[in-house]
Protein backbone atom coordinates (compact mmCIF):
# COMPACT_ATOMS: atom_id res chain seq x y z
CA UNK A 1 105.83 99.38 77.33
CA UNK A 2 109.59 99.57 76.98
CA UNK A 3 112.70 98.39 78.83
CA UNK A 4 113.14 101.90 80.25
CA UNK A 5 109.55 101.77 81.52
CA UNK A 6 110.19 98.41 83.22
CA UNK A 7 113.29 99.73 84.96
CA UNK A 8 111.68 103.00 86.03
CA UNK A 9 108.65 101.15 87.41
CA UNK A 10 110.83 98.68 89.30
CA UNK A 11 112.53 101.61 91.03
CA UNK A 12 109.23 103.29 91.93
CA UNK A 13 107.65 100.03 93.10
CA UNK A 14 110.76 99.32 95.18
CA UNK A 15 110.15 102.54 97.14
CA UNK A 16 106.44 101.79 97.60
CA UNK A 17 107.06 98.23 98.79
CA UNK A 18 109.82 99.36 101.15
CA UNK A 19 107.46 101.98 102.62
CA UNK A 20 104.86 99.27 103.30
CA UNK A 21 107.26 96.45 104.19
CA UNK A 22 106.44 96.30 107.90
CA UNK A 23 102.71 96.00 107.20
CA UNK A 24 103.19 93.22 104.62
CA UNK A 25 105.63 91.37 106.89
CA UNK A 26 103.10 91.47 109.74
CA UNK A 27 100.35 90.16 107.45
CA UNK A 28 102.59 87.26 106.44
CA UNK A 29 103.58 86.50 110.02
CA UNK A 30 99.87 86.18 110.84
CA UNK A 31 99.14 83.49 108.24
CA UNK A 32 102.42 82.57 106.53
CA UNK A 33 106.09 82.11 107.21
CA UNK A 34 107.03 85.80 107.09
CA UNK A 35 109.32 85.66 104.06
CA UNK A 36 107.01 87.06 101.38
CA UNK A 37 108.14 90.66 101.77
CA UNK A 38 111.79 89.67 101.60
CA UNK A 39 111.19 87.72 98.39
CA UNK A 40 109.43 90.70 96.80
CA UNK A 41 112.17 93.10 97.89
CA UNK A 42 114.85 90.70 96.66
CA UNK A 43 113.13 90.37 93.28
CA UNK A 44 112.84 94.13 92.82
CA UNK A 45 116.49 94.62 93.79
CA UNK A 46 117.56 92.03 91.22
CA UNK A 47 115.55 93.76 88.47
CA UNK A 48 116.93 97.20 89.30
CA UNK A 49 120.48 95.83 89.33
CA UNK A 50 119.98 94.58 85.76
CA UNK A 51 119.53 98.10 84.41
CA UNK A 52 122.96 98.48 82.80
CA UNK A 53 122.70 94.99 81.25
CA UNK A 54 119.21 95.22 79.76
CA UNK A 55 118.65 98.92 79.03
CA UNK A 56 119.65 98.63 75.35
CA UNK A 57 118.17 95.19 74.70
CA UNK A 58 114.94 94.41 72.81
CA UNK A 59 112.03 94.09 75.22
CA UNK A 60 111.64 90.32 74.77
CA UNK A 61 115.31 89.67 75.59
CA UNK A 62 115.17 92.01 78.58
CA UNK A 63 112.10 90.23 79.94
CA UNK A 64 113.79 86.85 79.52
CA UNK A 65 116.84 88.08 81.44
CA UNK A 66 114.59 89.37 84.20
CA UNK A 67 112.82 86.01 84.32
CA UNK A 68 116.08 84.08 84.60
CA UNK A 69 117.42 86.40 87.29
CA UNK A 70 114.24 86.14 89.34
CA UNK A 71 114.11 82.36 88.98
CA UNK A 72 117.70 81.93 90.14
CA UNK A 73 117.68 84.69 92.75
CA UNK A 74 114.45 84.03 94.66
CA UNK A 75 113.81 80.77 96.40
CA UNK A 76 110.63 78.78 96.71
CA UNK A 77 107.34 79.29 94.93
CA UNK A 78 107.73 83.07 94.62
CA UNK A 79 110.70 82.80 92.27
CA UNK A 80 108.94 80.21 90.14
CA UNK A 81 105.75 82.25 89.87
CA UNK A 82 107.38 85.60 89.12
CA UNK A 83 109.83 83.97 86.74
CA UNK A 84 106.93 82.33 84.91
CA UNK A 85 105.17 85.69 84.68
CA UNK A 86 108.13 87.39 82.98
CA UNK A 87 108.87 84.43 80.71
CA UNK A 88 105.30 84.44 79.45
CA UNK A 89 105.44 88.20 78.88
CA UNK A 90 108.64 87.73 76.88
CA UNK A 91 106.95 85.17 74.64
CA UNK A 92 104.04 87.50 73.85
CA UNK A 93 106.23 90.56 73.24
CA UNK A 94 107.96 91.30 69.95
CA UNK A 95 110.61 93.60 68.50
CA UNK A 96 108.05 96.17 67.40
CA UNK A 97 106.73 98.96 69.59
CA UNK A 98 104.52 97.64 72.38
CA UNK A 99 101.45 99.84 72.74
CA UNK A 100 98.94 99.85 75.60
CA UNK A 101 96.75 97.12 74.08
CA UNK A 102 99.77 94.86 73.51
CA UNK A 103 101.03 95.54 77.04
CA UNK A 104 97.64 94.44 78.40
CA UNK A 105 97.89 91.26 76.33
CA UNK A 106 101.35 90.54 77.74
CA UNK A 107 100.22 91.03 81.34
CA UNK A 108 97.12 88.86 80.80
CA UNK A 109 99.34 86.12 79.38
CA UNK A 110 101.70 86.41 82.34
CA UNK A 111 98.91 86.13 84.89
CA UNK A 112 97.41 83.13 83.10
CA UNK A 113 100.82 81.44 83.16
CA UNK A 114 101.13 82.11 86.91
CA UNK A 115 97.66 80.68 87.44
CA UNK A 116 98.60 77.50 85.58
CA UNK A 117 101.96 77.17 87.33
CA UNK A 118 100.60 77.75 90.83
CA UNK A 119 97.33 75.86 90.31
CA UNK A 120 95.55 78.69 92.15
CA UNK A 121 92.33 80.51 91.36
CA UNK A 122 90.11 83.24 92.76
CA UNK A 123 88.79 82.57 96.24
CA UNK A 124 91.80 80.69 97.62
CA UNK A 125 93.36 83.61 99.54
CA UNK A 126 96.45 84.22 97.42
CA UNK A 127 97.84 86.96 95.20
CA UNK A 128 95.75 85.45 92.39
CA UNK A 129 92.65 86.89 94.08
CA UNK A 130 93.96 90.26 92.91
CA UNK A 131 95.86 89.33 89.75
CA UNK A 132 93.11 87.33 88.02
CA UNK A 133 90.34 89.97 88.36
CA UNK A 134 92.82 92.65 87.27
CA UNK A 135 93.80 90.65 84.17
CA UNK A 136 90.12 90.13 83.37
CA UNK A 137 89.55 93.88 83.58
CA UNK A 138 92.57 94.56 81.34
CA UNK A 139 91.10 92.15 78.80
CA UNK A 140 87.83 94.05 78.94
CA UNK A 141 89.61 97.40 78.48
CA UNK A 142 91.56 96.03 75.52
CA UNK A 143 88.63 94.37 73.76
CA UNK A 144 85.95 96.97 74.40
CA UNK A 145 88.10 100.02 73.66
CA UNK A 146 87.50 101.52 77.10
CA UNK A 147 89.34 104.83 77.54
CA UNK A 148 92.75 103.99 78.97
CA UNK A 149 92.86 106.23 82.03
CA UNK A 150 89.27 105.45 83.04
CA UNK A 151 89.98 101.75 82.64
CA UNK A 152 93.12 101.95 84.77
CA UNK A 153 91.23 103.78 87.52
CA UNK A 154 88.79 100.87 87.52
CA UNK A 155 91.74 98.45 87.70
CA UNK A 156 93.05 100.26 90.80
CA UNK A 157 89.61 99.99 92.42
CA UNK A 158 89.25 96.29 91.56
CA UNK A 159 92.72 95.50 92.93
CA UNK A 160 91.93 97.17 96.25
CA UNK A 161 88.50 95.54 96.55
CA UNK A 162 89.85 92.08 95.79
CA UNK A 163 92.78 92.54 98.18
CA UNK A 164 90.43 93.50 101.02
CA UNK A 165 88.13 90.56 100.15
CA UNK A 166 90.90 88.09 101.06
CA UNK A 167 90.45 89.04 104.71
CA UNK A 168 87.35 86.88 105.13
CA UNK A 169 88.49 83.98 102.97
CA UNK A 170 89.61 80.54 104.02
CA UNK A 171 93.05 79.75 102.62
CA UNK A 172 93.32 76.63 100.49
CA UNK A 173 96.85 77.18 99.17
CA UNK A 174 100.22 77.57 100.85
CA UNK A 175 101.13 77.68 104.51
CA UNK A 176 97.97 79.59 105.43
CA UNK A 177 95.85 76.59 104.35
CA UNK A 178 96.98 74.73 107.49
CA UNK A 179 95.39 77.37 109.71
CA UNK A 180 91.80 76.65 108.69
CA UNK A 181 89.37 79.14 110.25
CA UNK A 182 92.25 80.96 111.96
CA UNK A 183 93.32 82.37 108.57
CA UNK A 184 90.09 84.36 108.46
CA UNK A 185 90.37 87.97 109.55
CA UNK A 186 93.77 88.46 107.91
CA UNK A 187 94.47 90.00 104.50
CA UNK A 188 96.70 87.84 102.31
CA UNK A 189 100.20 89.41 102.11
CA UNK A 190 100.61 88.46 98.44
CA UNK A 191 97.31 90.11 97.63
CA UNK A 192 98.45 93.27 99.42
CA UNK A 193 101.83 93.46 97.70
CA UNK A 194 100.20 92.76 94.32
CA UNK A 195 97.64 95.50 94.92
CA UNK A 196 100.37 98.01 95.74
CA UNK A 197 102.34 97.09 92.62
CA UNK A 198 99.27 97.34 90.38
CA UNK A 199 98.22 100.68 91.86
CA UNK A 200 101.73 102.09 91.40
CA UNK A 201 101.99 101.07 87.75
CA UNK A 202 98.47 102.25 86.89
CA UNK A 203 99.08 105.66 88.46
CA UNK A 204 102.36 105.99 86.56
CA UNK A 205 100.62 105.29 83.25
CA UNK A 206 97.71 107.61 84.07
CA UNK A 207 100.10 110.44 84.96
CA UNK A 208 102.28 110.04 81.86
């Protein structure tokens, strides 16, 4: 992982999210307040706009700048959660080269920090239903020396399965929790956007 990789992925993810924006917005209108997609798009735009500022910085400093920009530029819980993710990644990065195993460690740390900040877990119909199982799989890949590309293909599969599983869940967090049984039958928009982001990054690494 490098600053250039972060910037390049932000640009690719931006295109993927924009291509699926109407679907994600509709999902959020069904069970939320409809602003999730705009927060994600806003966050990606802010990261891309930082390119000239962070491109020559050490990874930890670049991640901290991204965290601060996201925290100040996105309102509500989304900004806090994504900012926490990048701040935690910055703390677990260093000035040395970050290899695949270290990158996994950074992402796992970021997801754990989001989990603690949002007080959400698997089964509550949020983005954590995708992010937590993915981080658990990354930990398995890292610790059991699973071949990188095979492991990432499994991550893509897990992300999709866990995203689809939110359809039949009751929501116990956020605006959707007020809907009770009516939230069933709808995929969580945060789970969908997270799945798209994970799939995009994994495919980029596999195709390197």
